[in-house]
């Protein structure tokens, strides 16, 4: 994806509108920076999966047998 640089002229906005625009811009930066980090963690997990040992997989019969708790 190409990185596009845009310039926005905020000089025509009043003080409150400028603050609101800057707050929203900072919110977007935080929101998408976090998502990028999550994607990177997910990518690392896929590339290097966790290895579990000593896992016992029950048979079909073991999964569906009724157990008495009394």
N, C-alpha and C. Protein backbone atom coordinates (compact mmCIF):
# COMPACT_ATOMS: atom_id res chain seq x y z
N UNK A 1 0.84 -1.16 0.00
CA UNK A 1 0.00 0.00 0.00
C UNK A 1 0.89 1.23 0.00
N UNK A 2 0.53 2.21 -0.82
CA UNK A 2 1.29 3.45 -0.89
C UNK A 2 0.93 4.33 0.29
N UNK A 3 1.91 5.02 0.79
CA UNK A 3 1.68 5.97 1.86
C UNK A 3 1.40 7.33 1.24
N UNK A 4 0.27 7.90 1.59
CA UNK A 4 -0.15 9.17 1.01
C UNK A 4 -0.07 10.25 2.08
N UNK A 5 0.50 11.37 1.73
CA UNK A 5 0.60 12.49 2.66
C UNK A 5 -0.40 13.56 2.24
N UNK A 6 -1.22 13.96 3.18
CA UNK A 6 -2.20 15.01 2.92
C UNK A 6 -1.97 16.14 3.90
N UNK A 7 -2.13 17.34 3.41
CA UNK A 7 -2.04 18.50 4.27
C UNK A 7 -3.43 19.09 4.42
N UNK A 8 -3.77 19.45 5.63
CA UNK A 8 -5.08 20.02 5.92
C UNK A 8 -4.87 21.42 6.49
N UNK A 9 -5.58 22.37 5.92
CA UNK A 9 -5.48 23.75 6.40
C UNK A 9 -6.52 23.95 7.50
N UNK A 10 -6.05 23.99 8.75
CA UNK A 10 -6.97 24.16 9.86
C UNK A 10 -7.06 25.62 10.32
N UNK A 11 -6.40 26.51 9.59
CA UNK A 11 -6.40 27.92 9.98
C UNK A 11 -7.79 28.56 9.86
N UNK A 12 -8.66 27.97 9.05
CA UNK A 12 -10.00 28.54 8.89
C UNK A 12 -10.95 28.13 10.01
N UNK A 13 -10.51 27.20 10.88
CA UNK A 13 -11.35 26.74 11.98
C UNK A 13 -11.14 27.61 13.21
N UNK A 14 -12.19 27.69 14.05
CA UNK A 14 -12.03 28.42 15.31
C UNK A 14 -11.28 27.54 16.31
N UNK A 15 -10.96 28.09 17.46
CA UNK A 15 -10.15 27.39 18.46
C UNK A 15 -10.73 26.05 18.91
N UNK A 16 -12.03 26.03 19.21
CA UNK A 16 -12.68 24.80 19.67
C UNK A 16 -12.66 23.73 18.58
N UNK A 17 -12.94 24.11 17.34
CA UNK A 17 -12.94 23.15 16.24
C UNK A 17 -11.54 22.59 16.00
N UNK A 18 -10.51 23.43 16.14
CA UNK A 18 -9.13 22.97 15.98
C UNK A 18 -8.80 21.91 17.04
N UNK A 19 -9.17 22.21 18.30
CA UNK A 19 -8.89 21.27 19.38
C UNK A 19 -9.61 19.94 19.15
N UNK A 20 -10.86 20.03 18.69
CA UNK A 20 -11.65 18.82 18.42
C UNK A 20 -11.02 18.00 17.29
N UNK A 21 -10.57 18.68 16.25
CA UNK A 21 -9.94 17.99 15.13
C UNK A 21 -8.63 17.32 15.56
N UNK A 22 -7.83 18.01 16.36
CA UNK A 22 -6.57 17.45 16.85
C UNK A 22 -6.84 16.25 17.76
N UNK A 23 -7.86 16.36 18.63
CA UNK A 23 -8.21 15.24 19.51
C UNK A 23 -8.63 14.02 18.69
N UNK A 24 -9.44 14.25 17.67
CA UNK A 24 -9.90 13.15 16.83
C UNK A 24 -8.73 12.52 16.07
N UNK A 25 -7.83 13.35 15.59
CA UNK A 25 -6.64 12.86 14.89
C UNK A 25 -5.79 11.98 15.82
N UNK A 26 -5.60 12.42 17.05
CA UNK A 26 -4.83 11.63 18.02
C UNK A 26 -5.54 10.32 18.35
N UNK A 27 -6.86 10.37 18.43
CA UNK A 27 -7.65 9.16 18.65
C UNK A 27 -7.43 8.16 17.53
N UNK A 28 -7.48 8.62 16.29
CA UNK A 28 -7.27 7.72 15.15
C UNK A 28 -5.88 7.12 15.14
N UNK A 29 -4.89 7.92 15.48
CA UNK A 29 -3.52 7.41 15.54
C UNK A 29 -3.42 6.30 16.58
N UNK A 30 -3.98 6.53 17.75
CA UNK A 30 -3.96 5.52 18.81
C UNK A 30 -4.72 4.27 18.39
N UNK A 31 -5.87 4.45 17.80
CA UNK A 31 -6.71 3.32 17.41
C UNK A 31 -6.01 2.44 16.39
N UNK A 32 -5.47 3.01 15.36
CA UNK A 32 -4.88 2.20 14.30
C UNK A 32 -3.46 1.75 14.62
N UNK A 33 -2.76 2.44 15.49
CA UNK A 33 -1.45 1.97 15.91
C UNK A 33 -1.63 0.68 16.72
N UNK A 34 -2.64 0.64 17.58
CA UNK A 34 -2.92 -0.55 18.39
C UNK A 34 -3.30 -1.73 17.49
N UNK A 35 -4.14 -1.50 16.54
CA UNK A 35 -4.53 -2.59 15.64
C UNK A 35 -3.34 -3.14 14.88
N UNK A 36 -2.46 -2.26 14.44
CA UNK A 36 -1.27 -2.72 13.74
C UNK A 36 -0.44 -3.62 14.63
N UNK A 37 -0.33 -3.26 15.90
CA UNK A 37 0.41 -4.08 16.85
C UNK A 37 -0.23 -5.44 17.03
N UNK A 38 -1.56 -5.49 17.08
CA UNK A 38 -2.27 -6.76 17.22
C UNK A 38 -2.05 -7.62 15.99
N UNK A 39 -2.08 -7.00 14.83
CA UNK A 39 -1.85 -7.77 13.61
C UNK A 39 -0.44 -8.35 13.58
N UNK A 40 0.52 -7.56 14.04
CA UNK A 40 1.89 -8.03 14.08
C UNK A 40 2.04 -9.20 15.04
N UNK A 41 1.41 -9.12 16.22
CA UNK A 41 1.46 -10.22 17.17
C UNK A 41 0.82 -11.48 16.57
N UNK A 42 -0.32 -11.32 15.88
CA UNK A 42 -0.99 -12.45 15.26
C UNK A 42 -0.10 -13.06 14.19
N UNK A 43 0.56 -12.23 13.40
CA UNK A 43 1.45 -12.73 12.35
C UNK A 43 2.60 -13.53 12.96
N UNK A 44 3.17 -13.02 14.06
CA UNK A 44 4.24 -13.75 14.74
C UNK A 44 3.75 -15.09 15.27
N UNK A 45 2.53 -15.13 15.81
CA UNK A 45 1.97 -16.37 16.33
C UNK A 45 1.78 -17.39 15.21
N UNK A 46 1.33 -16.95 14.07
CA UNK A 46 1.13 -17.85 12.93
C UNK A 46 2.47 -18.37 12.43
N UNK A 47 3.45 -17.51 12.36
CA UNK A 47 4.76 -17.92 11.87
C UNK A 47 5.49 -18.83 12.86
N UNK A 48 5.27 -18.63 14.15
CA UNK A 48 5.92 -19.43 15.19
C UNK A 48 4.87 -19.95 16.16
N UNK A 49 4.13 -21.00 15.77
CA UNK A 49 3.05 -21.46 16.64
C UNK A 49 3.58 -22.02 17.96
N UNK A 50 2.73 -21.94 18.98
CA UNK A 50 3.08 -22.49 20.28
C UNK A 50 3.07 -24.01 20.19
N UNK A 51 4.00 -24.63 20.89
CA UNK A 51 4.06 -26.09 20.89
C UNK A 51 3.63 -26.58 22.27
N UNK A 52 2.59 -27.39 22.29
CA UNK A 52 2.09 -27.93 23.54
C UNK A 52 2.50 -29.40 23.64
N UNK A 53 2.84 -29.82 24.84
CA UNK A 53 3.20 -31.21 25.07
C UNK A 53 2.26 -31.81 26.10
N UNK A 54 2.24 -33.10 26.17
CA UNK A 54 1.43 -33.83 27.15
C UNK A 54 -0.07 -33.54 27.00
N UNK A 55 -0.55 -33.46 25.80
CA UNK A 55 -1.97 -33.25 25.56
C UNK A 55 -2.62 -34.61 25.36
N UNK A 56 -3.68 -34.86 26.10
CA UNK A 56 -4.42 -36.11 25.96
C UNK A 56 -5.72 -35.80 25.23
N UNK A 57 -5.89 -36.39 24.08
CA UNK A 57 -7.10 -36.18 23.29
C UNK A 57 -8.04 -37.35 23.57
N UNK A 58 -9.20 -37.09 24.17
CA UNK A 58 -10.12 -38.17 24.49
C UNK A 58 -10.76 -38.75 23.24
N UNK A 59 -11.15 -40.01 23.34
CA UNK A 59 -11.84 -40.65 22.23
C UNK A 59 -13.28 -40.16 22.20
N UNK A 60 -13.98 -40.51 21.15
CA UNK A 60 -15.38 -40.09 21.01
C UNK A 60 -16.21 -40.65 22.16
N UNK A 61 -15.97 -41.91 22.49
CA UNK A 61 -16.72 -42.55 23.57
C UNK A 61 -16.46 -41.85 24.91
N UNK A 62 -15.22 -41.50 25.15
CA UNK A 62 -14.88 -40.82 26.41
C UNK A 62 -15.55 -39.44 26.49
N UNK A 63 -15.65 -38.76 25.36
CA UNK A 63 -16.29 -37.45 25.36
C UNK A 63 -17.77 -37.53 25.68
N UNK A 64 -18.42 -38.61 25.23
CA UNK A 64 -19.88 -38.69 25.34
C UNK A 64 -20.37 -39.60 26.46
N UNK A 65 -19.48 -40.18 27.23
CA UNK A 65 -19.95 -41.05 28.31
C UNK A 65 -20.49 -40.20 29.45
N UNK A 66 -21.51 -40.70 30.10
CA UNK A 66 -22.12 -40.00 31.21
C UNK A 66 -21.38 -40.37 32.48
N UNK A 67 -21.15 -39.38 33.29
CA UNK A 67 -20.46 -39.60 34.55
C UNK A 67 -21.41 -39.31 35.69
N UNK A 68 -21.32 -40.14 36.69
CA UNK A 68 -22.14 -39.96 37.87
C UNK A 68 -21.37 -39.14 38.88
N UNK A 69 -21.98 -38.10 39.40
CA UNK A 69 -21.31 -37.23 40.35
C UNK A 69 -21.73 -37.54 41.79
N UNK A 70 -22.59 -38.53 41.96
CA UNK A 70 -23.06 -38.86 43.32
C UNK A 70 -22.16 -39.84 44.01
